[in-house]
Protein backbone atom coordinates (compact mmCIF):
# COMPACT_ATOMS: atom_id res chain seq x y z
CA MET A 1 -0.22 -17.99 -13.66
CA THR A 2 -2.32 -20.08 -15.87
CA THR A 3 -5.61 -20.80 -15.41
CA SER A 4 -8.31 -21.78 -18.64
CA GLU A 5 -10.60 -18.66 -17.43
CA PRO A 6 -13.93 -18.11 -19.17
CA LYS A 7 -13.97 -15.66 -22.17
CA LYS A 8 -17.59 -14.29 -19.91
CA THR A 9 -18.02 -13.76 -16.10
CA LEU A 10 -21.12 -12.46 -14.54
CA ILE A 11 -21.28 -10.78 -11.58
CA ARG A 12 -24.06 -11.17 -10.39
CA GLY A 13 -26.01 -8.61 -8.12
CA ALA A 14 -22.93 -6.56 -6.55
CA LYS A 15 -23.07 -3.34 -4.65
CA VAL A 16 -20.84 -1.52 -7.27
CA LEU A 17 -19.18 0.74 -4.57
CA GLY A 18 -21.09 -0.21 -2.13
CA GLY A 19 -24.81 1.46 -3.85
CA GLU A 20 -27.29 0.07 -6.11
CA ALA A 21 -26.77 -3.96 -6.55
CA GLN A 22 -26.05 -3.88 -10.38
CA ASP A 23 -24.70 -7.20 -12.52
CA VAL A 24 -20.96 -6.34 -14.23
CA LEU A 25 -20.19 -8.41 -17.55
CA ILE A 26 -16.63 -9.24 -18.26
CA THR A 27 -16.13 -10.15 -21.66
CA GLU A 28 -12.19 -11.28 -22.87
CA GLY A 29 -10.83 -8.85 -19.87
CA THR A 30 -12.96 -5.92 -20.16
CA ILE A 31 -16.09 -4.38 -18.68
CA THR A 32 -18.67 -4.62 -21.51
CA ALA A 33 -22.28 -3.86 -19.50
CA VAL A 34 -23.56 -2.57 -16.02
CA GLY A 35 -26.82 -2.38 -15.46
CA THR A 36 -29.87 -4.02 -13.37
CA GLY A 37 -32.42 -6.91 -14.85
CA PRO A 38 -30.51 -9.03 -18.08
CA LEU A 39 -27.28 -8.44 -19.73
CA PRO A 40 -27.10 -8.34 -23.76
CA GLY A 41 -24.35 -11.28 -24.40
CA ALA A 42 -24.71 -12.36 -21.26
CA GLU A 43 -26.08 -15.48 -22.20
CA ASP A 44 -23.91 -17.74 -21.37
CA ALA A 45 -21.54 -16.65 -18.73
CA THR A 46 -20.24 -18.35 -15.53
CA VAL A 47 -21.59 -16.30 -13.27
CA VAL A 48 -20.45 -15.54 -9.61
CA VAL A 49 -23.81 -15.13 -7.90
CA ALA A 50 -22.21 -11.93 -5.37
CA GLU A 51 -25.61 -10.89 -3.96
CA GLY A 52 -24.44 -9.02 -0.26
CA GLN A 53 -20.68 -8.27 -1.56
CA VAL A 54 -19.36 -4.79 -2.42
CA LEU A 55 -17.95 -4.58 -6.25
CA LEU A 56 -14.73 -2.46 -5.83
CA PRO A 57 -11.52 -1.35 -8.64
CA GLY A 58 -8.62 -3.69 -7.71
CA LEU A 59 -7.11 -2.04 -4.96
CA VAL A 60 -3.32 -0.92 -5.61
CA ASP A 61 -0.20 -0.47 -2.83
CA LEU A 62 2.19 2.46 -3.04
CA HIS A 63 4.21 1.19 -0.90
CA THR A 64 4.98 -3.46 -0.35
CA HIS A 65 8.15 -4.43 0.31
CA LEU A 66 8.59 -7.88 -1.92
CA ARG A 67 11.83 -8.27 -1.04
CA GLU A 68 12.89 -10.17 -3.95
CA PRO A 69 16.28 -9.81 -5.00
CA GLY A 70 18.24 -10.89 -2.52
CA ARG A 71 16.14 -12.07 0.59
CA GLU A 72 13.60 -14.66 -0.79
CA ASP A 73 13.83 -16.00 3.49
CA SER A 74 10.87 -13.14 3.47
CA GLU A 75 9.44 -12.82 0.63
CA THR A 76 9.19 -13.52 -3.35
CA VAL A 77 7.68 -11.66 -5.84
CA LEU A 78 5.81 -14.89 -6.34
CA THR A 79 4.34 -15.09 -2.36
CA GLY A 80 3.99 -11.43 -2.53
CA THR A 81 1.93 -10.95 -5.30
CA ARG A 82 0.10 -14.09 -3.83
CA ALA A 83 -0.87 -12.14 -0.93
CA ALA A 84 -1.70 -9.28 -2.77
CA ALA A 85 -4.33 -10.94 -5.31
CA VAL A 86 -6.01 -12.12 -1.19
CA GLY A 87 -5.91 -8.66 -0.16
CA GLY A 88 -7.47 -7.72 -3.33
CA PHE A 89 -5.00 -5.61 -4.47
CA THR A 90 -4.15 -5.82 -8.44
CA ALA A 91 -1.13 -3.47 -8.38
CA VAL A 92 2.15 -2.89 -5.76
CA HIS A 93 4.29 -0.66 -5.94
CA ALA A 94 7.69 -2.92 -4.53
CA MET A 95 9.87 -1.39 -2.94
CA ALA A 96 13.58 -0.56 -4.06
CA ASN A 97 15.48 -1.65 -0.21
CA THR A 98 16.11 -5.22 -2.18
CA PHE A 99 19.44 -6.69 -2.34
CA PRO A 100 21.64 -5.89 -5.15
CA VAL A 101 19.42 -2.44 -4.43
CA ALA A 102 16.40 -1.68 -7.07
CA ASP A 103 18.92 1.79 -8.42
CA THR A 104 19.85 0.39 -11.63
CA ALA A 105 17.21 0.15 -14.91
CA GLY A 106 18.00 -3.82 -15.04
CA VAL A 107 17.30 -4.30 -11.31
CA VAL A 108 13.64 -2.71 -12.01
CA GLU A 109 13.08 -4.78 -15.03
CA GLN A 110 14.21 -7.98 -13.11
CA VAL A 111 11.68 -7.31 -10.85
CA TRP A 112 9.21 -6.43 -13.16
CA ARG A 113 9.26 -8.88 -15.38
CA LEU A 114 9.32 -11.68 -12.10
CA GLY A 115 5.90 -9.31 -11.51
CA GLN A 116 4.94 -10.32 -14.79
CA GLU A 117 5.35 -13.60 -14.74
CA SER A 118 3.55 -14.87 -11.34
CA GLY A 119 0.02 -13.67 -13.28
CA TYR A 120 -0.88 -12.99 -9.73
CA CYS A 121 -0.93 -9.56 -9.78
CA ASP A 122 1.01 -6.52 -11.82
CA VAL A 123 3.82 -5.21 -9.98
CA GLN A 124 5.43 -1.33 -10.30
CA PRO A 125 8.69 -1.61 -9.56
CA ILE A 126 9.77 1.71 -7.11
CA GLY A 127 13.81 3.11 -7.84
CA ALA A 128 15.85 4.34 -5.10
CA VAL A 129 16.90 7.93 -5.35
CA THR A 130 20.01 7.24 -4.38
CA VAL A 131 22.82 4.90 -5.05
CA GLY A 132 22.75 1.47 -2.41
CA LEU A 133 20.43 3.87 -0.55
CA GLU A 134 23.18 5.74 1.20
CA GLY A 135 22.03 9.36 0.05
CA LYS A 136 25.00 10.45 -1.14
CA GLN A 137 24.71 10.55 -4.96
CA LEU A 138 21.77 10.86 -7.61
CA ALA A 139 20.76 6.79 -8.39
CA GLU A 140 19.98 6.62 -12.65
CA LEU A 141 16.82 7.94 -12.60
CA GLY A 142 16.25 8.61 -15.77
CA ALA A 143 17.51 5.34 -16.65
CA MET A 144 14.98 3.69 -14.81
CA HIS A 145 12.01 5.81 -16.16
CA GLU A 146 13.20 4.58 -19.55
CA SER A 147 13.53 1.14 -18.44
CA ALA A 148 11.02 -1.54 -20.06
CA ALA A 149 9.21 -0.66 -15.65
CA GLY A 150 8.64 2.51 -16.69
CA VAL A 151 9.27 3.93 -13.13
CA ARG A 152 7.50 6.67 -12.01
CA VAL A 153 8.27 7.01 -8.04
CA PHE A 154 11.58 6.78 -6.35
CA SER A 155 12.07 6.42 -2.45
CA ASP A 156 15.07 5.21 -0.42
CA ASP A 157 12.09 3.77 1.70
CA GLY A 158 13.89 2.58 5.30
CA LYS A 159 15.85 4.97 4.67
CA CYS A 160 15.68 9.00 4.71
CA VAL A 161 16.80 11.53 2.14
CA ASP A 162 17.72 13.54 4.59
CA ASP A 163 20.36 15.76 2.62
CA ALA A 164 18.48 18.59 1.30
CA VAL A 165 20.45 18.79 -1.22
CA ILE A 166 20.65 15.43 -3.25
CA MET A 167 16.80 16.10 -2.39
CA ARG A 168 16.31 19.00 -4.30
CA ARG A 169 18.22 17.06 -7.10
CA ALA A 170 15.92 14.27 -6.86
CA LEU A 171 12.72 16.77 -7.18
CA GLU A 172 14.00 18.35 -10.07
CA TYR A 173 15.12 15.35 -12.13
CA VAL A 174 11.56 13.16 -11.56
CA LYS A 175 9.86 17.19 -13.02
CA ALA A 176 11.05 16.16 -16.41
CA PHE A 177 9.17 13.49 -17.07
CA ASP A 178 5.86 14.24 -13.72
CA GLY A 179 7.19 11.26 -11.43
CA VAL A 180 7.30 11.45 -7.49
CA VAL A 181 9.80 11.03 -5.01
CA ALA A 182 8.24 8.89 -1.85
CA GLN A 183 9.99 10.24 1.21
CA HIS A 184 10.35 7.74 4.29
CA ALA A 185 10.60 10.84 6.87
CA GLN A 186 13.08 9.99 9.13
CA GLU A 187 15.69 12.10 10.68
CA PRO A 188 18.44 10.13 11.44
CA ARG A 189 19.82 12.01 13.93
CA LEU A 190 16.55 12.23 16.11
CA THR A 191 15.77 8.77 15.85
CA GLU A 192 19.66 7.17 16.95
CA GLY A 193 19.12 4.26 19.13
CA ALA A 194 15.34 4.74 18.63
CA GLN A 195 13.02 1.59 19.74
CA MET A 196 9.64 3.12 20.30
CA ASN A 197 7.61 5.81 19.67
CA GLU A 198 8.67 9.16 21.93
CA GLY A 199 6.41 9.54 24.58
CA VAL A 200 4.81 8.40 28.12
CA VAL A 201 5.39 4.64 27.29
CA SER A 202 9.20 5.29 26.35
CA ALA A 203 9.87 6.41 29.79
CA GLU A 204 8.18 3.75 31.65
CA LEU A 205 9.52 1.65 29.53
CA GLY A 206 13.07 2.80 28.91
CA LEU A 207 13.50 2.63 25.15
CA GLY A 208 15.35 4.29 23.53
CA GLY A 209 12.37 7.02 22.22
CA TRP A 210 11.06 8.70 18.55
CA PRO A 211 10.16 11.79 18.67
CA ALA A 212 7.31 12.79 16.45
CA VAL A 213 9.26 16.58 15.67
CA ALA A 214 11.99 13.58 14.03
CA GLU A 215 8.62 12.99 10.98
CA GLU A 216 7.85 16.51 11.15
CA SER A 217 10.69 18.42 10.03
CA ILE A 218 12.16 16.06 7.29
CA ILE A 219 8.12 17.00 5.90
CA ALA A 220 8.21 20.13 6.93
CA ARG A 221 11.89 20.50 4.51
CA ASP A 222 10.24 18.69 1.62
CA VAL A 223 6.97 20.03 0.77
CA LEU A 224 8.51 23.53 0.56
CA LEU A 225 11.05 21.93 -1.24
CA ALA A 226 8.67 20.68 -3.61
CA ALA A 227 7.07 23.63 -3.51
CA HIS A 228 10.50 25.30 -4.11
CA VAL A 229 11.04 23.30 -7.71
CA GLY A 230 7.57 22.97 -8.72
CA SER A 231 7.92 19.25 -8.41
CA ARG A 232 5.59 16.31 -6.42
CA VAL A 233 6.56 14.51 -3.71
CA HIS A 234 4.97 11.92 -1.81
CA ILE A 235 4.70 10.95 2.19
CA CYS A 236 5.22 7.62 3.01
CA HIS A 237 3.21 6.08 6.13
CA LEU A 238 2.36 9.35 7.79
CA SER A 239 2.33 8.60 10.95
CA THR A 240 1.79 11.52 13.62
CA ALA A 241 -1.11 14.31 13.95
CA GLY A 242 1.31 16.83 13.18
CA SER A 243 2.64 15.51 10.22
CA VAL A 244 -1.47 15.63 9.83
CA GLU A 245 -1.72 19.81 9.80
CA ILE A 246 1.78 19.77 8.17
CA VAL A 247 0.58 18.49 4.97
CA ARG A 248 -2.89 19.73 5.51
CA TRP A 249 -1.51 23.22 5.08
CA ALA A 250 0.99 22.82 2.37
CA LYS A 251 -2.30 21.85 0.39
CA SER A 252 -3.55 25.06 0.99
CA LYS A 253 -1.12 26.65 -0.68
CA GLY A 254 -1.88 24.27 -3.80
CA TRP A 255 1.42 22.62 -3.45
CA ASN A 256 2.00 19.10 -5.05
CA VAL A 257 1.86 18.02 -1.71
CA THR A 258 0.30 13.73 -1.61
CA ALA A 259 1.06 11.13 1.49
CA GLU A 260 -0.18 7.76 2.53
CA VAL A 261 -1.54 6.13 6.08
CA THR A 262 -0.58 2.49 6.86
CA PRO A 263 -3.15 -0.28 8.44
CA HIS A 264 -1.64 -0.57 11.02
CA HIS A 265 -1.32 3.55 12.16
CA LEU A 266 -5.29 3.82 11.88
CA LEU A 267 -5.48 0.69 14.48
CA LEU A 268 -2.76 0.43 16.61
CA THR A 269 -1.37 2.84 19.12
CA ASP A 270 2.13 2.12 21.48
CA GLU A 271 0.30 1.27 24.44
CA LEU A 272 0.65 -2.72 22.81
CA VAL A 273 4.49 -1.90 23.03
CA ARG A 274 3.90 -2.69 27.01
CA SER A 275 4.23 -7.02 25.47
CA TYR A 276 7.35 -6.16 24.86
CA ASP A 277 6.11 -8.73 21.60
CA PRO A 278 8.15 -7.44 18.90
CA VAL A 279 5.73 -7.90 15.95
CA TYR A 280 4.72 -4.33 17.24
CA LYS A 281 7.75 -2.94 16.49
CA VAL A 282 7.50 -0.75 13.01
CA ASN A 283 9.32 2.25 11.18
CA PRO A 284 7.57 4.52 11.52
CA PRO A 285 6.94 3.56 15.14
CA LEU A 286 3.21 2.87 16.60
CA ARG A 287 1.91 6.39 17.76
CA THR A 288 -0.45 7.32 20.50
CA GLU A 289 -4.26 7.81 20.68
CA ALA A 290 -4.47 10.32 19.75
CA ASP A 291 -2.12 10.89 16.93
CA VAL A 292 -4.43 7.45 15.19
CA LEU A 293 -8.16 9.39 15.67
CA ALA A 294 -5.97 12.31 13.83
CA LEU A 295 -4.74 10.05 10.60
CA ARG A 296 -8.16 8.61 10.69
CA GLU A 297 -9.59 12.25 10.33
CA ALA A 298 -7.51 13.28 8.28
CA LEU A 299 -7.59 9.94 5.48
CA ALA A 300 -11.57 10.76 5.72
CA ASP A 301 -11.36 14.53 4.98
CA GLY A 302 -8.89 13.33 2.07
CA THR A 303 -5.72 15.46 3.65
CA ILE A 304 -4.31 11.52 3.78
CA ASP A 305 -4.62 10.75 0.22
CA CYS A 306 -4.39 6.74 0.69
CA VAL A 307 -3.84 3.99 2.19
CA ALA A 308 -1.16 1.88 1.87
CA THR A 309 0.43 -1.41 3.72
CA ASP A 310 3.86 -1.07 3.71
CA HIS A 311 4.14 -4.77 4.06
CA ALA A 312 7.19 -5.34 5.22
CA PRO A 313 7.82 -9.58 5.92
CA HIS A 314 10.46 -11.27 8.22
CA PRO A 315 11.22 -15.11 8.19
CA HIS A 316 10.92 -16.02 12.11
CA GLU A 317 13.94 -15.55 13.22
CA ASP A 318 13.81 -11.89 13.05
CA LYS A 319 10.85 -11.08 14.75
CA ASP A 320 11.51 -13.93 17.16
CA CYS A 321 13.67 -12.57 19.05
CA GLU A 322 14.20 -9.75 21.87
CA TRP A 323 12.92 -6.30 21.37
CA GLY A 324 16.38 -4.56 20.89
CA ALA A 325 17.35 -7.05 18.30
CA ALA A 326 13.90 -7.56 16.61
CA ALA A 327 13.77 -6.04 12.75
CA MET A 328 11.43 -3.22 11.92
CA GLY A 329 7.49 -4.00 9.52
CA MET A 330 4.28 -5.92 9.59
CA VAL A 331 2.91 -7.79 6.98
CA GLY A 332 -0.39 -5.90 5.69
CA LEU A 333 -1.72 -6.88 2.70
CA GLU A 334 -4.05 -9.75 3.35
CA THR A 335 -5.13 -7.59 6.14
CA ALA A 336 -5.49 -4.20 4.60
CA LEU A 337 -9.44 -3.40 3.70
CA SER A 338 -9.99 -5.13 6.47
CA VAL A 339 -8.62 -3.18 9.01
CA VAL A 340 -10.00 0.31 7.12
CA GLN A 341 -13.26 -1.16 7.30
CA HIS A 342 -12.89 -1.92 10.92
CA THR A 343 -11.82 1.93 11.41
CA MET A 344 -12.97 3.76 8.85
CA VAL A 345 -16.43 1.96 7.27
CA ASP A 346 -17.82 0.72 10.80
CA THR A 347 -17.21 3.95 12.72
CA GLY A 348 -18.79 5.73 9.54
CA LEU A 349 -15.20 7.55 8.59
CA LEU A 350 -16.08 6.69 5.19
CA ASP A 351 -18.55 4.76 2.48
CA TRP A 352 -17.71 2.31 -0.13
CA ALA A 353 -16.79 4.55 -2.19
CA GLN A 354 -14.78 6.53 -0.53
CA VAL A 355 -12.66 3.65 -0.08
CA ALA A 356 -12.43 2.86 -3.64
CA ASP A 357 -10.76 6.77 -3.78
CA ARG A 358 -7.64 6.14 -1.19
CA MET A 359 -7.37 2.46 -1.80
CA SER A 360 -7.56 2.73 -5.40
CA PHE A 361 -8.52 5.60 -7.27
CA ARG A 362 -6.08 7.82 -5.90
CA PRO A 363 -2.71 5.11 -5.16
CA ALA A 364 -3.12 5.07 -8.87
CA GLY A 365 -3.13 8.54 -9.85
CA ILE A 366 0.46 9.21 -7.95
CA GLY A 367 1.80 6.21 -9.30
CA ARG A 368 0.89 7.04 -12.52
CA LEU A 369 -0.48 3.84 -13.42
CA GLU A 370 -2.42 3.02 -16.57
CA GLY A 371 -5.57 0.42 -16.23
CA HIS A 372 -5.72 0.77 -12.32
CA GLY A 373 -8.02 2.86 -11.10
CA ARG A 374 -10.41 2.97 -13.52
CA PRO A 375 -14.14 3.39 -13.22
CA ILE A 376 -16.09 0.35 -13.02
CA ALA A 377 -17.90 1.31 -16.56
CA VAL A 378 -18.12 -0.53 -19.65
CA GLY A 379 -14.49 0.07 -21.88
CA GLU A 380 -12.50 -0.68 -18.38
CA PRO A 381 -10.14 -2.89 -17.52
CA ALA A 382 -12.02 -5.17 -15.76
CA ASN A 383 -9.66 -4.99 -12.61
CA LEU A 384 -12.50 -6.04 -9.57
CA THR A 385 -11.79 -6.66 -6.04
CA LEU A 386 -15.54 -8.67 -4.55
CA VAL A 387 -15.55 -8.33 -0.42
CA ASP A 388 -18.47 -9.20 1.30
CA PRO A 389 -19.29 -6.84 4.24
CA ALA A 390 -20.53 -9.15 6.71
CA TYR A 391 -17.91 -11.65 7.16
CA ARG A 392 -16.55 -11.66 10.56
CA GLY A 393 -12.97 -13.48 10.90
CA VAL A 394 -10.23 -14.09 13.57
CA VAL A 395 -6.66 -13.33 11.89
CA ASP A 396 -5.05 -17.29 12.00
CA PRO A 397 -1.70 -15.97 10.04
CA VAL A 398 -1.43 -19.59 9.28
CA GLY A 399 -3.35 -19.98 5.99
CA PHE A 400 -1.47 -16.51 4.44
CA ALA A 401 -0.51 -16.85 1.03
CA SER A 402 3.16 -14.07 2.22
CA ARG A 403 6.13 -16.15 3.06
CA SER A 404 6.35 -14.26 6.56
CA ARG A 405 3.56 -13.97 9.12
CA ASN A 406 4.59 -11.51 11.27
CA THR A 407 1.29 -10.03 11.80
CA PRO A 408 0.24 -7.74 14.41
CA TYR A 409 -3.43 -8.75 13.87
CA GLU A 410 -3.12 -12.89 15.55
CA GLY A 411 -6.01 -13.70 16.67
CA ARG A 412 -7.98 -10.80 16.46
CA GLU A 413 -11.35 -10.55 14.39
CA LEU A 414 -11.91 -8.53 12.36
CA PRO A 415 -14.54 -7.66 9.40
CA GLY A 416 -14.87 -8.17 6.09
CA ARG A 417 -12.93 -10.98 3.21
CA VAL A 418 -12.22 -10.51 -0.07
CA THR A 419 -14.02 -13.69 -1.96
CA HIS A 420 -13.08 -12.90 -5.27
CA THR A 421 -9.60 -10.50 -7.91
CA PHE A 422 -10.24 -9.81 -11.18
CA LEU A 423 -6.85 -9.50 -12.64
CA ARG A 424 -8.51 -8.09 -16.70
CA GLY A 425 -10.85 -10.07 -16.15
CA ARG A 426 -9.00 -12.94 -14.84
CA SER A 427 -10.14 -14.30 -11.74
CA THR A 428 -6.63 -14.66 -9.16
CA VAL A 429 -8.57 -15.29 -6.62
CA VAL A 430 -12.69 -17.48 -6.61
CA ASP A 431 -13.96 -17.47 -2.89
CA GLY A 432 -11.40 -16.45 -0.65
CA LYS A 433 -8.82 -18.84 -1.76
CA LEU A 434 -6.45 -18.27 -4.80
CA ALA A 435 -7.34 -19.60 -7.72
C-alpha cells in the first residue's frame, strides 16, 4: 500500500482511552505531543477532528486465520490485513493451519513478508507446534524463532496438542526463548462427531454434542504441565464457565497462564443453532447463556486476559450447505470492537481504558510484540485507533474488506465504528474506509 502521507497529523479533541479530550500530534510515525490547547509544532499538521471519539492504542489480535498460503479463495494476507485495519487492528498473529502448514522457517517468513508488503497492519506469524499439525513430532520451533519472522507464539490451532508428552516437550523448548504455546483445548476422543455444544439444545435437535469437559480437561492438564515446566501456556478461545474456574485457579497459584475469549463467545449462545444456519457453526461451539455471562465476568475481572477474534474466513460454498457438511468458523476482525462495546462497555463491565488493556496492551504482551500495545504518550509509535462509540449501524457483510462473508451478525445492529486507524502514523483507514 502506498499513500502520500502528511509528515504531521493532529488528532484534535479525542478522548484518550475514554478519558479527557486531548490533542495528539503525530510526527513522522511517532507521537510527539499530547495535551490540551495549542500543541507546539502542530501549526502545519493535517487535522483529524475527533470530538466525541475515543482514541485507543492500535488493537492487537492474537488469533487470526489469514489462510495464505493455500486457501486464497477464503482470504489472503492482503485482504485479511485490510479487514484488520477496518476493525482498528494494527497487528495480527496469523495462525499456522495453512497449506503448507507454517511449521518451518521458510513458511513463517513467507507470511511475515506478505504482511510487510500489504502495509495495512503488521503480521506476526504463529508457528505450528507439531509437523503438519499431526501431533506426533515437534516442528522446527527454534528455527522459526530464529527466522526473520521471530516467532514467539506456537499453536496447532484447529487441532489440539492432545499428547501430554509432546505438549510437555513444546513447553520446555519454548521456555528457552520466552516463547508461549497457545493451546486449542479440545480432547479429540470426547468430540468425535460433535456438531454443537452438548446440552439441552443438542439433545432436542439430535445433533452430536460437544461437552464442556472436552475443553476443560485439556486446560486442566496444560496448566499443570506449564507449572511443572515453568513455562508459558496460553489458552485459545476459552468458552465455558468451567474453563474460567480452572484458569482462575491456575492464576491464583502464580502460574504463567493466559487466556483469550472471542467476541462471538461473549454474545452468542447455542440457542441460535435451532435455526440450523451453518453461520453459527464454530469451534469451540457456541455455549449457553450461563457460559456467556461467566466469560464476560472473567474478562472484566482479568481472569481472561484478552479478546481475540479467531477470524476464520470461509468461501460461500463451505457455509451455504447443510449443517453437518459446513465448515466451522466465523469472520470477526471487522466487528470485534463493536461486539466488545455492546457486551462489555455498554453494559458497564469495562471502560475504554480496560478495553485498551484487553485488546491491545495484554495481547501484545503475551505475544511479546514490540511497538504495539504501547501507551498513548510522547515518544511512542503512532499505532492508534479512533472509534466513534455513538455510532449505531446494521452489519452488512457486502461491504466487508475480508474476502469472506461468514459473519453471524448480518442484519444485527451493533454500536461503535472505527473511523481512523494509524499504523506508525500512516493512515490505513480514514472516515471508516480503507485509505
